[in-house]
C-alpha atoms as a PDB file:
ATOM      1  CA  MET A   1      92.723 191.483  95.433  1.00  0.00           C
ATOM      2  CA  THR A   2      93.422 187.411  96.748  1.00  0.00           C
ATOM      3  CA  LYS A   3      90.635 188.207  98.997  1.00  0.00           C
ATOM      4  CA  LEU A   4      88.291 189.807  95.920  1.00  0.00           C
ATOM      5  CA  VAL A   5      89.065 186.710  94.125  1.00  0.00           C
ATOM      6  CA  LEU A   6      88.462 183.986  97.001  1.00  0.00           C
ATOM      7  CA  SER A   7      85.163 185.266  97.629  1.00  0.00           C
ATOM      8  CA  THR A   8      84.546 185.456  93.892  1.00  0.00           C
ATOM      9  CA  LEU A   9      85.061 182.309  93.704  1.00  0.00           C
ATOM     10  CA  LEU A  10      83.109 180.828  96.792  1.00  0.00           C
ATOM     11  CA  MET A  11      80.345 182.828  95.772  1.00  0.00           C
ATOM     12  CA  VAL A  12      80.149 180.947  92.373  1.00  0.00           C
ATOM     13  CA  PHE A  13      80.562 177.516  94.114  1.00  0.00           C
ATOM     14  CA  PHE A  14      77.951 177.919  96.711  1.00  0.00           C
ATOM     15  CA  ALA A  15      75.386 179.574  94.471  1.00  0.00           C
ATOM     16  CA  SER A  16      76.196 176.445  91.358  1.00  0.00           C
ATOM     17  CA  SER A  17      75.560 174.094  94.606  1.00  0.00           C
ATOM     18  CA  ALA A  18      72.691 175.656  95.587  1.00  0.00           C
ATOM     19  CA  SER A  19      71.063 175.700  92.164  1.00  0.00           C
ATOM     20  CA  ALA A  20      71.925 172.107  91.349  1.00  0.00           C
ATOM     21  CA  GLU A  21      68.573 169.990  89.877  1.00  0.00           C
ATOM     22  CA  CYS A  22      68.152 166.461  91.812  1.00  0.00           C
ATOM     23  CA  TYR A  23      65.423 163.886  91.375  1.00  0.00           C
ATOM     24  CA  ALA A  24      64.359 161.100  93.154  1.00  0.00           C
ATOM     25  CA  ASP A  25      63.063 157.695  91.968  1.00  0.00           C
ATOM     26  CA  TYR A  26      60.211 156.088  94.070  1.00  0.00           C
ATOM     27  CA  LYS A  27      57.684 153.369  95.124  1.00  0.00           C
ATOM     28  CA  ALA A  28      53.953 154.449  96.350  1.00  0.00           C
ATOM     29  CA  LYS A  29      50.792 152.858  97.274  1.00  0.00           C
ATOM     30  CA  ARG A  30      47.111 153.146  98.319  1.00  0.00           C
ATOM     31  CA  ASP A  31      44.718 150.367  99.740  1.00  0.00           C
ATOM     32  CA  ASP A  32      41.495 149.585  99.337  1.00  0.00           C
ATOM     33  CA  PRO A  33      41.741 148.752  96.479  1.00  0.00           C
ATOM     34  CA  LEU A  34      45.149 148.279  96.365  1.00  0.00           C
ATOM     35  CA  ARG A  35      46.880 150.370  93.864  1.00  0.00           C
ATOM     36  CA  LEU A  36      50.808 151.066  93.177  1.00  0.00           C
ATOM     37  CA  HIS A  37      52.535 153.419  91.465  1.00  0.00           C
ATOM     38  CA  TYR A  38      56.531 154.208  90.248  1.00  0.00           C
ATOM     39  CA  GLY A  39      57.198 158.032  89.917  1.00  0.00           C
ATOM     40  CA  VAL A  40      60.213 160.780  90.002  1.00  0.00           C
ATOM     41  CA  ILE A  41      59.842 163.709  92.008  1.00  0.00           C
ATOM     42  CA  GLU A  42      61.900 167.067  91.556  1.00  0.00           C
ATOM     43  CA  LEU A  43      63.818 167.327  95.310  1.00  0.00           C
ATOM     44  CA  PRO A  44      64.713 170.764  96.739  1.00  0.00           C
ATOM     45  CA  GLY A  45      68.448 171.629  96.243  1.00  0.00           C
ATOM     46  CA  ASP A  46      69.788 171.485 100.195  1.00  0.00           C
ATOM     47  CA  ILE A  47      68.193 167.737 100.778  1.00  0.00           C
ATOM     48  CA  CYS A  48      69.281 166.025  98.297  1.00  0.00           C
ATOM     49  CA  SER A  49      72.581 164.489  99.930  1.00  0.00           C
ATOM     50  CA  GLN A  50      70.221 163.906 103.081  1.00  0.00           C
ATOM     51  CA  GLY A  51      68.766 160.358 102.989  1.00  0.00           C
ATOM     52  CA  SER A  52      66.179 160.462 105.765  1.00  0.00           C
ATOM     53  CA  ALA A  53      65.386 164.389 104.713  1.00  0.00           C
ATOM     54  CA  VAL A  54      64.943 162.820 101.211  1.00  0.00           C
ATOM     55  CA  GLN A  55      62.326 160.194 102.512  1.00  0.00           C
ATOM     56  CA  ARG A  56      60.031 162.802 104.700  1.00  0.00           C
ATOM     57  CA  TYR A  57      60.103 165.319 102.088  1.00  0.00           C
ATOM     58  CA  ILE A  58      58.768 162.899  99.258  1.00  0.00           C
ATOM     59  CA  GLU A  59      56.269 160.906 101.879  1.00  0.00           C
ATOM     60  CA  ARG A  60      54.947 164.357 102.941  1.00  0.00           C
ATOM     61  CA  GLN A  61      53.909 165.411  99.035  1.00  0.00           C
ATOM     62  CA  LEU A  62      52.724 161.589  98.330  1.00  0.00           C
ATOM     63  CA  SER A  63      50.608 161.738 101.646  1.00  0.00           C
ATOM     64  CA  ASN A  64      48.902 165.139 100.577  1.00  0.00           C
ATOM     65  CA  ASN A  65      47.366 162.665  97.945  1.00  0.00           C
ATOM     66  CA  ASP A  66      46.768 159.465  99.926  1.00  0.00           C
ATOM     67  CA  TRP A  67      49.652 157.705  98.600  1.00  0.00           C
ATOM     68  CA  GLU A  68      51.756 155.822 101.261  1.00  0.00           C
ATOM     69  CA  LEU A  69      56.083 155.730 100.354  1.00  0.00           C
ATOM     70  CA  LEU A  70      56.700 152.284 100.084  1.00  0.00           C
ATOM     71  CA  ASN A  71      60.732 153.241  98.794  1.00  0.00           C
ATOM     72  CA  VAL A  72      63.124 155.286  97.693  1.00  0.00           C
ATOM     73  CA  LEU A  73      65.229 153.612  94.632  1.00  0.00           C
ATOM     74  CA  SER A  74      67.362 156.518  93.873  1.00  0.00           C
ATOM     75  CA  VAL A  75      68.770 160.055  93.911  1.00  0.00           C
ATOM     76  CA  PHE A  76      69.907 161.628  90.954  1.00  0.00           C
ATOM     77  CA  GLY A  77      70.705 164.413  88.624  1.00  0.00           C
ATOM     78  CA  ARG A  78      68.772 165.847  85.270  1.00  0.00           C
ATOM     79  CA  ASP A  79      71.324 163.614  83.380  1.00  0.00           C
ATOM     80  CA  ALA A  80      69.377 160.585  84.265  1.00  0.00           C
ATOM     81  CA  LEU A  81      66.068 162.510  84.131  1.00  0.00           C
ATOM     82  CA  ASP A  82      64.735 161.589  80.696  1.00  0.00           C
ATOM     83  CA  GLY A  83      65.552 157.811  81.075  1.00  0.00           C
ATOM     84  CA  LYS A  84      62.962 157.606  83.683  1.00  0.00           C
ATOM     85  CA  LYS A  85      60.114 159.336  81.725  1.00  0.00           C
ATOM     86  CA  ALA A  86      58.502 156.791  79.978  1.00  0.00           C
ATOM     87  CA  ASP A  87      58.405 154.169  83.057  1.00  0.00           C
ATOM     88  CA  ALA A  88      57.173 157.044  85.520  1.00  0.00           C
ATOM     89  CA  GLY A  89      54.222 157.823  83.202  1.00  0.00           C
ATOM     90  CA  GLN A  90      51.581 160.176  84.552  1.00  0.00           C
ATOM     91  CA  PHE A  91      53.726 160.120  87.896  1.00  0.00           C
ATOM     92  CA  TYR A  92      56.677 161.999  86.298  1.00  0.00           C
ATOM     93  CA  LEU A  93      57.167 164.969  88.092  1.00  0.00           C
ATOM     94  CA  ARG A  94      53.724 164.895  89.603  1.00  0.00           C
ATOM     95  CA  TYR A  95      54.610 165.484  92.918  1.00  0.00           C
END
């Protein structure tokens, strides 16, 4: 019985961890002519706590559209998402 309860608790813990939503806000640019933007992007749950993986993921997403990542400002959960929508404008969850 103890093993059953323990395995159930572990499954619930790992399922909730895997489905946790996380996002990052960033600054990016294009040259010739110079254009800048601030954006918010949804991240895969498995990289949320890995700074270099977050940066690589965002760089890859932006480079597909000829943008260059300048910097990642923060990584955050769903609770902070709404407060960034107005600032990100057309780049809110675009990539």
